[in-house]
């Protein structure tokens, strides 16, 4: 089977703190995988490296066989993350949250409003 996710000798330093040291693993197509560990073990850092939110100090990070940093736009279109938190901003309305994340992902306001209309929520969400 094809490796969908791979990290090879990945190290991540934050100033004086080493969050990851020579992490190597791979996940093949069809595998179910999760990160478990105590606070400070490097779970969030690893996920942020896989989603190109962080750049490793050293090592190689690949998703679908492609370097995450050289192919960021292509890769982020094809991955998703399920977090234990919503990722929404409490101080923003539902519509403002939708527009913020649409803007980050280069989705037009018009497209968001059209989708809300199609699902019958255009007049409900403020």
N, C-alpha and C. Protein backbone atom coordinates (compact mmCIF):
# COMPACT_ATOMS: atom_id res chain seq x y z
N UNK A 1 0.83 -1.19 0.00
CA UNK A 1 0.00 0.00 0.00
C UNK A 1 0.87 1.26 0.00
N UNK A 2 0.27 2.32 -0.49
CA UNK A 2 0.97 3.59 -0.60
C UNK A 2 1.01 4.32 0.74
N UNK A 3 2.16 4.95 1.02
CA UNK A 3 2.28 5.79 2.21
C UNK A 3 1.52 7.09 1.95
N UNK A 4 0.55 7.39 2.79
CA UNK A 4 -0.24 8.62 2.65
C UNK A 4 0.41 9.75 3.43
N UNK A 5 0.94 9.42 4.60
CA UNK A 5 1.60 10.40 5.46
C UNK A 5 2.94 9.83 5.88
N UNK A 6 3.99 10.65 5.82
CA UNK A 6 5.28 10.19 6.33
C UNK A 6 6.08 11.36 6.90
N UNK A 7 6.75 11.07 7.99
CA UNK A 7 7.68 12.01 8.60
C UNK A 7 8.98 11.24 8.79
N UNK A 8 10.08 11.85 8.39
CA UNK A 8 11.37 11.17 8.48
C UNK A 8 12.38 12.07 9.18
N UNK A 9 12.85 11.61 10.34
CA UNK A 9 13.85 12.33 11.14
C UNK A 9 13.47 13.79 11.39
N UNK A 10 12.22 14.02 11.75
CA UNK A 10 11.72 15.38 11.95
C UNK A 10 12.04 15.87 13.36
N UNK A 11 12.68 17.02 13.41
CA UNK A 11 12.98 17.71 14.66
C UNK A 11 12.35 19.08 14.58
N UNK A 12 11.77 19.52 15.70
CA UNK A 12 11.20 20.87 15.77
C UNK A 12 11.64 21.51 17.07
N UNK A 13 12.34 22.64 16.93
CA UNK A 13 12.80 23.42 18.08
C UNK A 13 12.04 24.73 18.13
N UNK A 14 11.70 25.13 19.35
CA UNK A 14 11.14 26.45 19.62
C UNK A 14 12.12 27.15 20.55
N UNK A 15 12.96 28.01 19.99
CA UNK A 15 14.02 28.68 20.76
C UNK A 15 14.83 27.63 21.53
N UNK A 16 14.73 27.62 22.85
CA UNK A 16 15.52 26.68 23.67
C UNK A 16 14.83 25.34 23.90
N UNK A 17 13.58 25.21 23.45
CA UNK A 17 12.79 24.00 23.73
C UNK A 17 12.72 23.10 22.49
N UNK A 18 13.11 21.85 22.64
CA UNK A 18 12.98 20.87 21.55
C UNK A 18 11.66 20.13 21.72
N UNK A 19 10.73 20.40 20.82
CA UNK A 19 9.40 19.79 20.90
C UNK A 19 9.38 18.38 20.32
N UNK A 20 10.14 18.17 19.25
CA UNK A 20 10.24 16.85 18.61
C UNK A 20 11.70 16.58 18.29
N UNK A 21 12.10 15.32 18.46
CA UNK A 21 13.48 14.95 18.15
C UNK A 21 13.47 13.70 17.27
N UNK A 22 13.89 13.86 16.04
CA UNK A 22 14.07 12.75 15.09
C UNK A 22 12.84 11.85 14.99
N UNK A 23 11.66 12.45 14.86
CA UNK A 23 10.42 11.67 14.73
C UNK A 23 10.33 11.06 13.34
N UNK A 24 10.11 9.76 13.29
CA UNK A 24 9.96 9.05 12.03
C UNK A 24 8.76 8.11 12.14
N UNK A 25 7.83 8.23 11.21
CA UNK A 25 6.70 7.30 11.12
C UNK A 25 6.04 7.46 9.76
N UNK A 26 5.22 6.48 9.41
CA UNK A 26 4.44 6.58 8.18
C UNK A 26 3.08 5.93 8.40
N UNK A 27 2.11 6.39 7.62
CA UNK A 27 0.75 5.86 7.66
C UNK A 27 0.39 5.48 6.24
N UNK A 28 -0.05 4.25 6.07
CA UNK A 28 -0.41 3.77 4.74
C UNK A 28 -1.89 3.98 4.47
N UNK A 29 -2.22 4.01 3.20
CA UNK A 29 -3.61 4.16 2.79
C UNK A 29 -4.49 3.12 3.48
N UNK A 30 -5.61 3.58 4.05
CA UNK A 30 -6.55 2.69 4.71
C UNK A 30 -6.32 2.51 6.20
N UNK A 31 -5.16 2.92 6.70
CA UNK A 31 -4.89 2.80 8.14
C UNK A 31 -5.65 3.86 8.92
N UNK A 32 -6.01 3.51 10.13
CA UNK A 32 -6.60 4.47 11.06
C UNK A 32 -5.54 4.76 12.10
N UNK A 33 -5.31 6.05 12.36
CA UNK A 33 -4.17 6.45 13.18
C UNK A 33 -4.59 7.59 14.09
N UNK A 34 -4.10 7.59 15.31
CA UNK A 34 -4.38 8.69 16.23
C UNK A 34 -3.15 9.02 17.04
N UNK A 35 -3.12 10.21 17.60
CA UNK A 35 -2.02 10.64 18.46
C UNK A 35 -2.48 10.62 19.90
N UNK A 36 -1.78 9.88 20.73
CA UNK A 36 -2.08 9.82 22.16
C UNK A 36 -0.81 10.14 22.93
N UNK A 37 -0.96 10.84 24.05
CA UNK A 37 0.20 11.13 24.88
C UNK A 37 -0.11 12.25 25.85
N UNK A 38 0.77 12.40 26.83
CA UNK A 38 0.55 13.45 27.83
C UNK A 38 0.78 14.85 27.24
N UNK A 39 0.35 15.83 27.99
CA UNK A 39 0.58 17.22 27.60
C UNK A 39 2.07 17.45 27.39
N UNK A 40 2.41 18.10 26.29
CA UNK A 40 3.81 18.40 26.01
C UNK A 40 4.54 17.31 25.26
N UNK A 41 3.84 16.25 24.86
CA UNK A 41 4.49 15.13 24.17
C UNK A 41 4.80 15.42 22.71
N UNK A 42 4.16 16.46 22.13
CA UNK A 42 4.43 16.82 20.75
C UNK A 42 3.31 16.50 19.78
N UNK A 43 2.15 16.14 20.29
CA UNK A 43 1.02 15.78 19.42
C UNK A 43 0.58 16.96 18.54
N UNK A 44 0.33 18.09 19.16
CA UNK A 44 -0.13 19.27 18.41
C UNK A 44 0.95 19.76 17.46
N UNK A 45 2.19 19.74 17.90
CA UNK A 45 3.31 20.15 17.04
C UNK A 45 3.37 19.26 15.80
N UNK A 46 3.21 17.95 15.99
CA UNK A 46 3.24 17.01 14.87
C UNK A 46 2.13 17.31 13.87
N UNK A 47 0.93 17.53 14.38
CA UNK A 47 -0.20 17.82 13.49
C UNK A 47 0.02 19.14 12.76
N UNK A 48 0.54 20.14 13.44
CA UNK A 48 0.81 21.42 12.78
C UNK A 48 1.90 21.28 11.72
N UNK A 49 2.85 20.40 11.92
CA UNK A 49 3.86 20.14 10.90
C UNK A 49 3.23 19.45 9.69
N UNK A 50 2.34 18.49 9.94
CA UNK A 50 1.68 17.77 8.84
C UNK A 50 0.77 18.66 8.02
N UNK A 51 0.25 19.71 8.62
CA UNK A 51 -0.67 20.61 7.92
C UNK A 51 0.02 21.90 7.48
N UNK A 52 1.34 21.93 7.54
CA UNK A 52 2.19 23.06 7.13
C UNK A 52 1.94 24.34 7.91
N UNK A 53 1.38 24.21 9.11
CA UNK A 53 1.23 25.38 9.98
C UNK A 53 2.54 25.71 10.68
N UNK A 54 3.44 24.73 10.74
CA UNK A 54 4.78 24.92 11.28
C UNK A 54 5.78 24.34 10.28
N UNK A 55 6.99 24.83 10.33
CA UNK A 55 8.07 24.31 9.49
C UNK A 55 9.05 23.58 10.41
N UNK A 56 9.48 22.37 10.04
CA UNK A 56 10.39 21.64 10.92
C UNK A 56 11.78 22.29 10.96
N UNK A 57 12.46 22.11 12.06
CA UNK A 57 13.85 22.56 12.16
C UNK A 57 14.70 21.71 11.22
N UNK A 58 14.38 20.42 11.16
CA UNK A 58 15.04 19.52 10.21
C UNK A 58 14.13 18.32 9.95
N UNK A 59 14.41 17.61 8.89
CA UNK A 59 13.64 16.42 8.55
C UNK A 59 12.71 16.64 7.37
N UNK A 60 11.97 15.59 7.06
CA UNK A 60 11.11 15.57 5.87
C UNK A 60 9.67 15.22 6.25
N UNK A 61 8.73 16.04 5.77
CA UNK A 61 7.31 15.82 6.03
C UNK A 61 6.60 15.69 4.69
N UNK A 62 5.92 14.55 4.47
CA UNK A 62 5.23 14.34 3.20
C UNK A 62 3.79 13.87 3.44
N UNK A 63 2.90 14.36 2.61
CA UNK A 63 1.51 13.92 2.58
C UNK A 63 1.21 13.59 1.12
N UNK A 64 0.63 12.43 0.88
CA UNK A 64 0.38 11.94 -0.48
C UNK A 64 1.68 11.87 -1.29
N UNK A 65 2.80 11.62 -0.60
CA UNK A 65 4.09 11.49 -1.25
C UNK A 65 4.73 12.81 -1.66
N UNK A 66 4.12 13.92 -1.27
CA UNK A 66 4.64 15.24 -1.67
C UNK A 66 5.05 16.04 -0.45
N UNK A 67 6.11 16.81 -0.61
CA UNK A 67 6.57 17.68 0.46
C UNK A 67 5.48 18.68 0.84
N UNK A 68 5.15 18.71 2.12
CA UNK A 68 4.05 19.55 2.62
C UNK A 68 4.29 21.03 2.34
N UNK A 69 5.51 21.48 2.42
CA UNK A 69 5.80 22.91 2.29
C UNK A 69 5.90 23.37 0.85
N UNK A 70 6.32 22.48 -0.02
CA UNK A 70 6.42 22.83 -1.44
C UNK A 70 5.08 22.69 -2.16
N UNK A 71 4.15 21.93 -1.57
CA UNK A 71 2.87 21.64 -2.21
C UNK A 71 1.69 21.98 -1.30
N UNK A 72 1.85 22.99 -0.48
CA UNK A 72 0.86 23.32 0.56
C UNK A 72 -0.55 23.49 0.00
N UNK A 73 -0.73 24.31 -1.01
CA UNK A 73 -2.08 24.58 -1.53
C UNK A 73 -2.76 23.32 -2.02
N UNK A 74 -2.04 22.48 -2.71
CA UNK A 74 -2.60 21.23 -3.23
C UNK A 74 -2.98 20.28 -2.10
N UNK A 75 -2.11 20.18 -1.11
CA UNK A 75 -2.33 19.22 -0.02
C UNK A 75 -3.47 19.65 0.88
N UNK A 76 -3.53 20.92 1.28
CA UNK A 76 -4.57 21.34 2.23
C UNK A 76 -5.97 21.22 1.64
N UNK A 77 -6.09 21.17 0.33
CA UNK A 77 -7.40 20.96 -0.30
C UNK A 77 -7.91 19.54 -0.09
N UNK A 78 -7.00 18.63 0.25
CA UNK A 78 -7.35 17.21 0.32
C UNK A 78 -7.23 16.59 1.71
N UNK A 79 -7.04 17.42 2.72
CA UNK A 79 -6.94 16.88 4.08
C UNK A 79 -7.94 17.57 4.98
N UNK A 80 -8.23 16.93 6.08
CA UNK A 80 -9.11 17.51 7.10
C UNK A 80 -8.61 17.11 8.47
N UNK A 81 -8.96 17.90 9.46
CA UNK A 81 -8.55 17.62 10.83
C UNK A 81 -9.78 17.67 11.71
N UNK A 82 -9.90 16.69 12.59
CA UNK A 82 -10.97 16.69 13.57
C UNK A 82 -10.33 16.95 14.92
N UNK A 83 -10.62 18.10 15.49
CA UNK A 83 -10.03 18.52 16.75
C UNK A 83 -11.02 18.33 17.89
N UNK A 84 -10.52 18.42 19.11
CA UNK A 84 -11.40 18.34 20.27
C UNK A 84 -12.07 19.68 20.57
N UNK A 85 -11.71 20.70 19.82
CA UNK A 85 -12.36 22.01 19.95
C UNK A 85 -12.94 22.40 18.60
N UNK A 86 -13.83 23.37 18.61
CA UNK A 86 -14.52 23.73 17.37
C UNK A 86 -13.65 24.48 16.38
N UNK A 87 -12.69 25.24 16.86
CA UNK A 87 -11.87 26.05 15.97
C UNK A 87 -12.54 27.36 15.58
N UNK A 88 -13.73 27.59 16.08
CA UNK A 88 -14.45 28.83 15.80
C UNK A 88 -14.10 29.87 16.86
N UNK A 89 -14.28 31.12 16.50
CA UNK A 89 -14.00 32.22 17.41
C UNK A 89 -15.29 32.65 18.09
N UNK A 90 -15.32 32.53 19.41
CA UNK A 90 -16.52 32.85 20.19
C UNK A 90 -16.98 34.29 20.02
N UNK A 91 -16.04 35.20 19.81
CA UNK A 91 -16.39 36.62 19.70
C UNK A 91 -16.99 36.98 18.35
N UNK A 92 -16.91 36.06 17.40
CA UNK A 92 -17.46 36.30 16.07
C UNK A 92 -18.79 35.58 15.92
N UNK A 93 -19.65 36.14 15.10
CA UNK A 93 -20.92 35.46 14.79
C UNK A 93 -20.63 34.25 13.90
N UNK A 94 -21.63 33.40 13.73
CA UNK A 94 -21.48 32.24 12.85
C UNK A 94 -21.11 32.70 11.44
N UNK A 95 -21.82 33.71 10.95
CA UNK A 95 -21.55 34.22 9.61
C UNK A 95 -20.14 34.79 9.51
N UNK A 96 -19.70 35.54 10.52
CA UNK A 96 -18.35 36.10 10.50
C UNK A 96 -17.30 35.00 10.52
N UNK A 97 -17.53 33.93 11.29
CA UNK A 97 -16.61 32.79 11.28
C UNK A 97 -16.55 32.15 9.90
N UNK A 98 -17.72 31.95 9.28
CA UNK A 98 -17.75 31.38 7.94
C UNK A 98 -16.98 32.24 6.95
N UNK A 99 -17.18 33.54 7.03
CA UNK A 99 -16.51 34.46 6.10
C UNK A 99 -15.00 34.49 6.34
N UNK A 100 -14.60 34.43 7.60
CA UNK A 100 -13.17 34.42 7.92
C UNK A 100 -12.49 33.20 7.31
N UNK A 101 -13.06 32.02 7.55
CA UNK A 101 -12.44 30.80 7.03
C UNK A 101 -12.59 30.69 5.51
N UNK A 102 -13.64 31.25 4.97
CA UNK A 102 -13.78 31.30 3.51
C UNK A 102 -12.66 32.15 2.92
N UNK A 103 -12.40 33.30 3.54
CA UNK A 103 -11.34 34.19 3.06
C UNK A 103 -9.98 33.51 3.14
N UNK A 104 -9.71 32.82 4.23
CA UNK A 104 -8.44 32.11 4.40
C UNK A 104 -8.26 31.07 3.29
N UNK A 105 -9.35 30.46 2.88
CA UNK A 105 -9.29 29.40 1.86
C UNK A 105 -9.66 29.87 0.46
N UNK A 106 -9.65 31.19 0.25
CA UNK A 106 -9.90 31.80 -1.06
C UNK A 106 -11.27 31.43 -1.63
N UNK A 107 -12.27 31.35 -0.75
CA UNK A 107 -13.65 31.12 -1.17
C UNK A 107 -14.37 32.46 -1.11
N UNK A 108 -15.09 32.80 -2.16
CA UNK A 108 -15.74 34.11 -2.22
C UNK A 108 -16.93 34.21 -1.27
N UNK A 109 -17.22 35.43 -0.84
CA UNK A 109 -18.38 35.70 0.01
C UNK A 109 -19.66 35.27 -0.72
N UNK A 110 -19.69 35.53 -2.01
CA UNK A 110 -20.85 35.16 -2.83
C UNK A 110 -21.09 33.65 -2.77
N UNK A 111 -20.02 32.87 -2.86
CA UNK A 111 -20.13 31.41 -2.81
C UNK A 111 -20.68 30.95 -1.46
N UNK A 112 -20.19 31.55 -0.37
CA UNK A 112 -20.68 31.20 0.97
C UNK A 112 -22.17 31.48 1.07
N UNK A 113 -22.59 32.65 0.61
CA UNK A 113 -24.00 33.03 0.68
C UNK A 113 -24.87 32.13 -0.19
N UNK A 114 -24.36 31.72 -1.35
CA UNK A 114 -25.10 30.80 -2.22
C UNK A 114 -25.30 29.45 -1.55
N UNK A 115 -24.27 28.96 -0.88
CA UNK A 115 -24.37 27.67 -0.19
C UNK A 115 -25.36 27.77 0.97
N UNK A 116 -25.27 28.86 1.73
CA UNK A 116 -26.23 29.06 2.83
C UNK A 116 -27.66 29.10 2.31
N UNK A 117 -27.84 29.72 1.16
CA UNK A 117 -29.16 29.79 0.54
C UNK A 117 -29.64 28.39 0.13
N UNK A 118 -28.74 27.60 -0.46
CA UNK A 118 -29.10 26.25 -0.91
C UNK A 118 -29.52 25.35 0.25
N UNK A 119 -28.92 25.55 1.41
CA UNK A 119 -29.27 24.69 2.55
C UNK A 119 -30.32 25.34 3.45
N UNK A 120 -30.87 26.45 2.98
CA UNK A 120 -31.96 27.10 3.69
C UNK A 120 -31.56 27.83 4.95
N UNK A 121 -30.32 28.32 5.00
CA UNK A 121 -29.85 28.99 6.21
C UNK A 121 -29.43 30.44 5.98
N UNK A 122 -29.60 30.94 4.78
CA UNK A 122 -29.15 32.30 4.46
C UNK A 122 -29.79 33.34 5.37
N UNK A 123 -31.07 33.20 5.65
CA UNK A 123 -31.76 34.18 6.49
C UNK A 123 -31.66 33.85 7.97
N UNK A 124 -31.20 32.66 8.31
CA UNK A 124 -31.11 32.23 9.71
C UNK A 124 -29.80 32.67 10.35
N UNK A 125 -28.71 32.55 9.60
CA UNK A 125 -27.38 32.85 10.14
C UNK A 125 -27.10 34.34 10.02
N UNK A 126 -26.79 34.92 11.13
CA UNK A 126 -26.46 36.36 11.16
C UNK A 126 -25.08 36.57 11.72
